[in-house]
PDB file of all heavy atoms in Angstrom:
ATOM      1  N   SER A   1      44.175 231.973 229.057  1.00  0.00           N
ATOM      2  CA  SER A   1      44.582 230.638 228.684  1.00  0.00           C
ATOM      3  C   SER A   1      45.845 230.254 229.446  1.00  0.00           C
ATOM      4  O   SER A   1      46.035 229.085 229.829  1.00  0.00           O
ATOM      5  CB  SER A   1      44.813 230.550 227.142  1.00  0.00           C
ATOM      6  OG  SER A   1      45.976 231.262 226.762  1.00  0.00           O
ATOM      7  N   GLY A   2      46.712 231.234 229.712  1.00  0.00           N
ATOM      8  CA  GLY A   2      47.870 230.968 230.535  1.00  0.00           C
ATOM      9  C   GLY A   2      47.450 230.624 231.961  1.00  0.00           C
ATOM     10  O   GLY A   2      48.033 229.700 232.602  1.00  0.00           O
ATOM     11  N   VAL A   3      46.466 231.357 232.508  1.00  0.00           N
ATOM     12  CA  VAL A   3      45.955 231.073 233.832  1.00  0.00           C
ATOM     13  C   VAL A   3      45.426 229.658 233.894  1.00  0.00           C
ATOM     14  O   VAL A   3      45.729 228.909 234.821  1.00  0.00           O
ATOM     15  CB  VAL A   3      44.849 232.084 234.203  1.00  0.00           C
ATOM     16  CG1 VAL A   3      44.191 231.686 235.520  1.00  0.00           C
ATOM     17  CG2 VAL A   3      45.434 233.517 234.320  1.00  0.00           C
ATOM     18  N   LEU A   4      44.678 229.275 232.898  1.00  0.00           N
ATOM     19  CA  LEU A   4      44.038 227.971 232.875  1.00  0.00           C
ATOM     20  C   LEU A   4      45.050 226.868 232.749  1.00  0.00           C
ATOM     21  O   LEU A   4      44.961 225.841 233.359  1.00  0.00           O
ATOM     22  CB  LEU A   4      43.008 227.899 231.752  1.00  0.00           C
ATOM     23  CG  LEU A   4      41.940 229.000 231.788  1.00  0.00           C
ATOM     24  CD1 LEU A   4      40.978 228.865 230.613  1.00  0.00           C
ATOM     25  CD2 LEU A   4      41.202 229.005 233.090  1.00  0.00           C
ATOM     26  N   MET A   5      46.083 227.109 231.932  1.00  0.00           N
ATOM     27  CA  MET A   5      47.164 226.078 231.817  1.00  0.00           C
ATOM     28  C   MET A   5      47.898 225.985 233.163  1.00  0.00           C
ATOM     29  O   MET A   5      48.297 224.875 233.573  1.00  0.00           O
ATOM     30  CB  MET A   5      48.138 226.500 230.706  1.00  0.00           C
ATOM     31  CG  MET A   5      47.583 226.242 229.314  1.00  0.00           C
ATOM     32  SD  MET A   5      47.057 224.580 229.011  1.00  0.00           S
ATOM     33  CE  MET A   5      48.576 223.681 229.219  1.00  0.00           C
ATOM     34  N   GLY A   6      48.017 227.104 233.879  1.00  0.00           N
ATOM     35  CA  GLY A   6      48.653 227.019 235.203  1.00  0.00           C
ATOM     36  C   GLY A   6      47.843 226.164 236.151  1.00  0.00           C
ATOM     37  O   GLY A   6      48.377 225.406 236.973  1.00  0.00           O
ATOM     38  N   VAL A   7      46.497 226.313 236.085  1.00  0.00           N
ATOM     39  CA  VAL A   7      45.618 225.479 236.928  1.00  0.00           C
ATOM     40  C   VAL A   7      45.809 224.010 236.582  1.00  0.00           C
ATOM     41  O   VAL A   7      45.943 223.168 237.453  1.00  0.00           O
ATOM     42  CB  VAL A   7      44.142 225.918 236.714  1.00  0.00           C
ATOM     43  CG1 VAL A   7      43.234 224.965 237.462  1.00  0.00           C
ATOM     44  CG2 VAL A   7      43.939 227.334 237.204  1.00  0.00           C
ATOM     45  N   LEU A   8      45.832 223.693 235.275  1.00  0.00           N
ATOM     46  CA  LEU A   8      45.946 222.316 234.846  1.00  0.00           C
ATOM     47  C   LEU A   8      47.292 221.722 235.255  1.00  0.00           C
ATOM     48  O   LEU A   8      47.396 220.617 235.766  1.00  0.00           O
ATOM     49  CB  LEU A   8      45.769 222.196 233.346  1.00  0.00           C
ATOM     50  CG  LEU A   8      44.454 222.716 232.758  1.00  0.00           C
ATOM     51  CD1 LEU A   8      44.438 222.571 231.272  1.00  0.00           C
ATOM     52  CD2 LEU A   8      43.294 221.932 233.364  1.00  0.00           C
ATOM     53  N   LEU A   9      48.357 222.487 235.014  1.00  0.00           N
ATOM     54  CA  LEU A   9      49.713 221.994 235.308  1.00  0.00           C
ATOM     55  C   LEU A   9      49.927 221.907 236.821  1.00  0.00           C
ATOM     56  O   LEU A   9      50.691 221.070 237.291  1.00  0.00           O
ATOM     57  CB  LEU A   9      50.749 222.879 234.671  1.00  0.00           C
ATOM     58  CG  LEU A   9      50.778 222.854 233.124  1.00  0.00           C
ATOM     59  CD1 LEU A   9      51.801 223.838 232.605  1.00  0.00           C
ATOM     60  CD2 LEU A   9      51.103 221.449 232.629  1.00  0.00           C
ATOM     61  N   ALA A  10      49.211 222.729 237.598  1.00  0.00           N
ATOM     62  CA  ALA A  10      49.333 222.598 239.054  1.00  0.00           C
ATOM     63  C   ALA A  10      48.795 221.272 239.506  1.00  0.00           C
ATOM     64  O   ALA A  10      49.414 220.597 240.334  1.00  0.00           O
ATOM     65  CB  ALA A  10      48.572 223.757 239.709  1.00  0.00           C
ATOM     66  N   ARG A  11      47.671 220.899 238.976  1.00  0.00           N
ATOM     67  CA  ARG A  11      47.066 219.582 239.362  1.00  0.00           C
ATOM     68  C   ARG A  11      47.961 218.435 238.899  1.00  0.00           C
ATOM     69  O   ARG A  11      48.254 217.489 239.654  1.00  0.00           O
ATOM     70  CB  ARG A  11      45.690 219.450 238.764  1.00  0.00           C
ATOM     71  CG  ARG A  11      44.661 220.469 239.284  1.00  0.00           C
ATOM     72  CD  ARG A  11      43.333 220.264 238.616  1.00  0.00           C
ATOM     73  NE  ARG A  11      42.383 221.275 239.064  1.00  0.00           N
ATOM     74  CZ  ARG A  11      41.610 222.000 238.228  1.00  0.00           C
ATOM     75  NH1 ARG A  11      41.733 221.795 236.934  1.00  0.00           N
ATOM     76  NH2 ARG A  11      40.769 222.896 238.677  1.00  0.00           N
ATOM     77  N   THR A  12      48.389 218.521 237.644  1.00  0.00           N
ATOM     78  CA  THR A  12      49.209 217.430 237.097  1.00  0.00           C
ATOM     79  C   THR A  12      50.607 217.429 237.746  1.00  0.00           C
ATOM     80  O   THR A  12      51.096 216.405 238.212  1.00  0.00           O
ATOM     81  CB  THR A  12      49.329 217.577 235.589  1.00  0.00           C
ATOM     82  OG1 THR A  12      48.004 217.597 235.007  1.00  0.00           O
ATOM     83  CG2 THR A  12      50.115 216.408 234.988  1.00  0.00           C
ATOM     84  N   GLY A  13      51.284 218.591 237.724  1.00  0.00           N
ATOM     85  CA  GLY A  13      52.598 218.674 238.258  1.00  0.00           C
ATOM     86  C   GLY A  13      52.657 218.379 239.720  1.00  0.00           C
ATOM     87  O   GLY A  13      53.566 217.716 240.234  1.00  0.00           O
ATOM     88  N   GLY A  14      51.631 218.847 240.478  1.00  0.00           N
ATOM     89  CA  GLY A  14      51.589 218.572 241.891  1.00  0.00           C
ATOM     90  C   GLY A  14      51.531 217.072 242.195  1.00  0.00           C
ATOM     91  O   GLY A  14      52.214 216.564 243.063  1.00  0.00           O
ATOM     92  N   GLY A  15      50.701 216.358 241.420  1.00  0.00           N
ATOM     93  CA  GLY A  15      50.596 214.915 241.589  1.00  0.00           C
ATOM     94  C   GLY A  15      51.891 214.211 241.257  1.00  0.00           C
ATOM     95  O   GLY A  15      52.331 213.298 241.965  1.00  0.00           O
ATOM     96  N   LEU A  16      52.503 214.592 240.149  1.00  0.00           N
ATOM     97  CA  LEU A  16      53.768 213.925 239.705  1.00  0.00           C
ATOM     98  C   LEU A  16      54.873 214.169 240.689  1.00  0.00           C
ATOM     99  O   LEU A  16      55.628 213.268 241.038  1.00  0.00           O
ATOM    100  CB  LEU A  16      54.119 214.407 238.302  1.00  0.00           C
ATOM    101  CG  LEU A  16      53.198 213.946 237.165  1.00  0.00           C
ATOM    102  CD1 LEU A  16      53.600 214.635 235.866  1.00  0.00           C
ATOM    103  CD2 LEU A  16      53.215 212.441 237.019  1.00  0.00           C
ATOM    104  N   ILE A  17      55.024 215.435 241.139  1.00  0.00           N
ATOM    105  CA  ILE A  17      56.104 215.773 242.091  1.00  0.00           C
ATOM    106  C   ILE A  17      55.906 214.988 243.411  1.00  0.00           C
ATOM    107  O   ILE A  17      56.870 214.490 243.962  1.00  0.00           O
ATOM    108  CB  ILE A  17      56.199 217.277 242.298  1.00  0.00           C
ATOM    109  CG1 ILE A  17      56.653 217.986 241.001  1.00  0.00           C
ATOM    110  CG2 ILE A  17      57.181 217.587 243.417  1.00  0.00           C
ATOM    111  CD1 ILE A  17      56.575 219.485 241.085  1.00  0.00           C
ATOM    112  N   ALA A  18      54.681 214.972 243.835  1.00  0.00           N
ATOM    113  CA  ALA A  18      54.399 214.257 245.106  1.00  0.00           C
ATOM    114  C   ALA A  18      54.716 212.776 244.981  1.00  0.00           C
ATOM    115  O   ALA A  18      55.251 212.162 245.916  1.00  0.00           O
ATOM    116  CB  ALA A  18      52.926 214.467 245.475  1.00  0.00           C
ATOM    117  N   GLN A  19      54.420 212.179 243.826  1.00  0.00           N
ATOM    118  CA  GLN A  19      54.606 210.778 243.644  1.00  0.00           C
ATOM    119  C   GLN A  19      56.109 210.433 243.480  1.00  0.00           C
ATOM    120  O   GLN A  19      56.583 209.444 244.022  1.00  0.00           O
ATOM    121  CB  GLN A  19      53.851 210.281 242.415  1.00  0.00           C
ATOM    122  CG  GLN A  19      53.926 208.774 242.168  1.00  0.00           C
ATOM    123  CD  GLN A  19      53.202 207.984 243.237  1.00  0.00           C
ATOM    124  OE1 GLN A  19      52.302 208.493 243.893  1.00  0.00           O
ATOM    125  NE2 GLN A  19      53.598 206.750 243.438  1.00  0.00           N
ATOM    126  N   TRP A  20      56.818 211.248 242.714  1.00  0.00           N
ATOM    127  CA  TRP A  20      58.195 210.919 242.349  1.00  0.00           C
ATOM    128  C   TRP A  20      59.247 211.773 243.084  1.00  0.00           C
ATOM    129  O   TRP A  20      60.421 211.449 242.959  1.00  0.00           O
ATOM    130  CB  TRP A  20      58.378 211.072 240.849  1.00  0.00           C
ATOM    131  CG  TRP A  20      57.511 210.169 240.040  1.00  0.00           C
ATOM    132  CD1 TRP A  20      56.982 208.969 240.454  1.00  0.00           C
ATOM    133  CD2 TRP A  20      57.043 210.382 238.745  1.00  0.00           C
ATOM    134  NE1 TRP A  20      56.204 208.425 239.460  1.00  0.00           N
ATOM    135  CE2 TRP A  20      56.199 209.276 238.388  1.00  0.00           C
ATOM    136  CE3 TRP A  20      57.207 211.393 237.774  1.00  0.00           C
ATOM    137  CZ2 TRP A  20      55.612 209.145 237.121  1.00  0.00           C
ATOM    138  CZ3 TRP A  20      56.600 211.283 236.530  1.00  0.00           C
ATOM    139  CH2 TRP A  20      55.801 210.181 236.238  1.00  0.00           C
ATOM    140  N   GLY A  21      58.810 212.819 243.752  1.00  0.00           N
ATOM    141  CA  GLY A  21      59.800 213.715 244.334  1.00  0.00           C
ATOM    142  C   GLY A  21      59.841 213.743 245.867  1.00  0.00           C
ATOM    143  O   GLY A  21      60.430 214.620 246.414  1.00  0.00           O
ATOM    144  N   GLY A  22      59.191 212.792 246.532  1.00  0.00           N
ATOM    145  CA  GLY A  22      59.339 212.734 247.966  1.00  0.00           C
ATOM    146  C   GLY A  22      58.090 213.141 248.749  1.00  0.00           C
ATOM    147  O   GLY A  22      58.198 213.406 249.954  1.00  0.00           O
ATOM    148  N   GLY A  23      56.934 213.218 248.147  1.00  0.00           N
ATOM    149  CA  GLY A  23      55.730 213.504 248.915  1.00  0.00           C
ATOM    150  C   GLY A  23      55.158 214.890 248.634  1.00  0.00           C
ATOM    151  O   GLY A  23      55.756 215.692 247.917  1.00  0.00           O
ATOM    152  N   TRP A  24      54.038 215.165 249.275  1.00  0.00           N
ATOM    153  CA  TRP A  24      53.314 216.402 249.016  1.00  0.00           C
ATOM    154  C   TRP A  24      54.068 217.641 249.478  1.00  0.00           C
ATOM    155  O   TRP A  24      53.930 218.728 248.921  1.00  0.00           O
ATOM    156  CB  TRP A  24      51.928 216.364 249.657  1.00  0.00           C
ATOM    157  CG  TRP A  24      51.896 216.286 251.141  1.00  0.00           C
ATOM    158  CD1 TRP A  24      51.879 215.152 251.924  1.00  0.00           C
ATOM    159  CD2 TRP A  24      51.944 217.390 252.061  1.00  0.00           C
ATOM    160  NE1 TRP A  24      51.900 215.492 253.255  1.00  0.00           N
ATOM    161  CE2 TRP A  24      51.900 216.861 253.374  1.00  0.00           C
ATOM    162  CE3 TRP A  24      51.964 218.781 251.919  1.00  0.00           C
ATOM    163  CZ2 TRP A  24      51.892 217.641 254.538  1.00  0.00           C
ATOM    164  CZ3 TRP A  24      51.958 219.569 253.052  1.00  0.00           C
ATOM    165  CH2 TRP A  24      51.957 219.017 254.344  1.00  0.00           C
TER     166      TRP A  24
END
């Protein structure tokens, strides 16, 4: 479940950081 949450947060966090933190 920790692995799966990591997968989910990678997709979500990656998108948010790219949008608000200066790009991919």
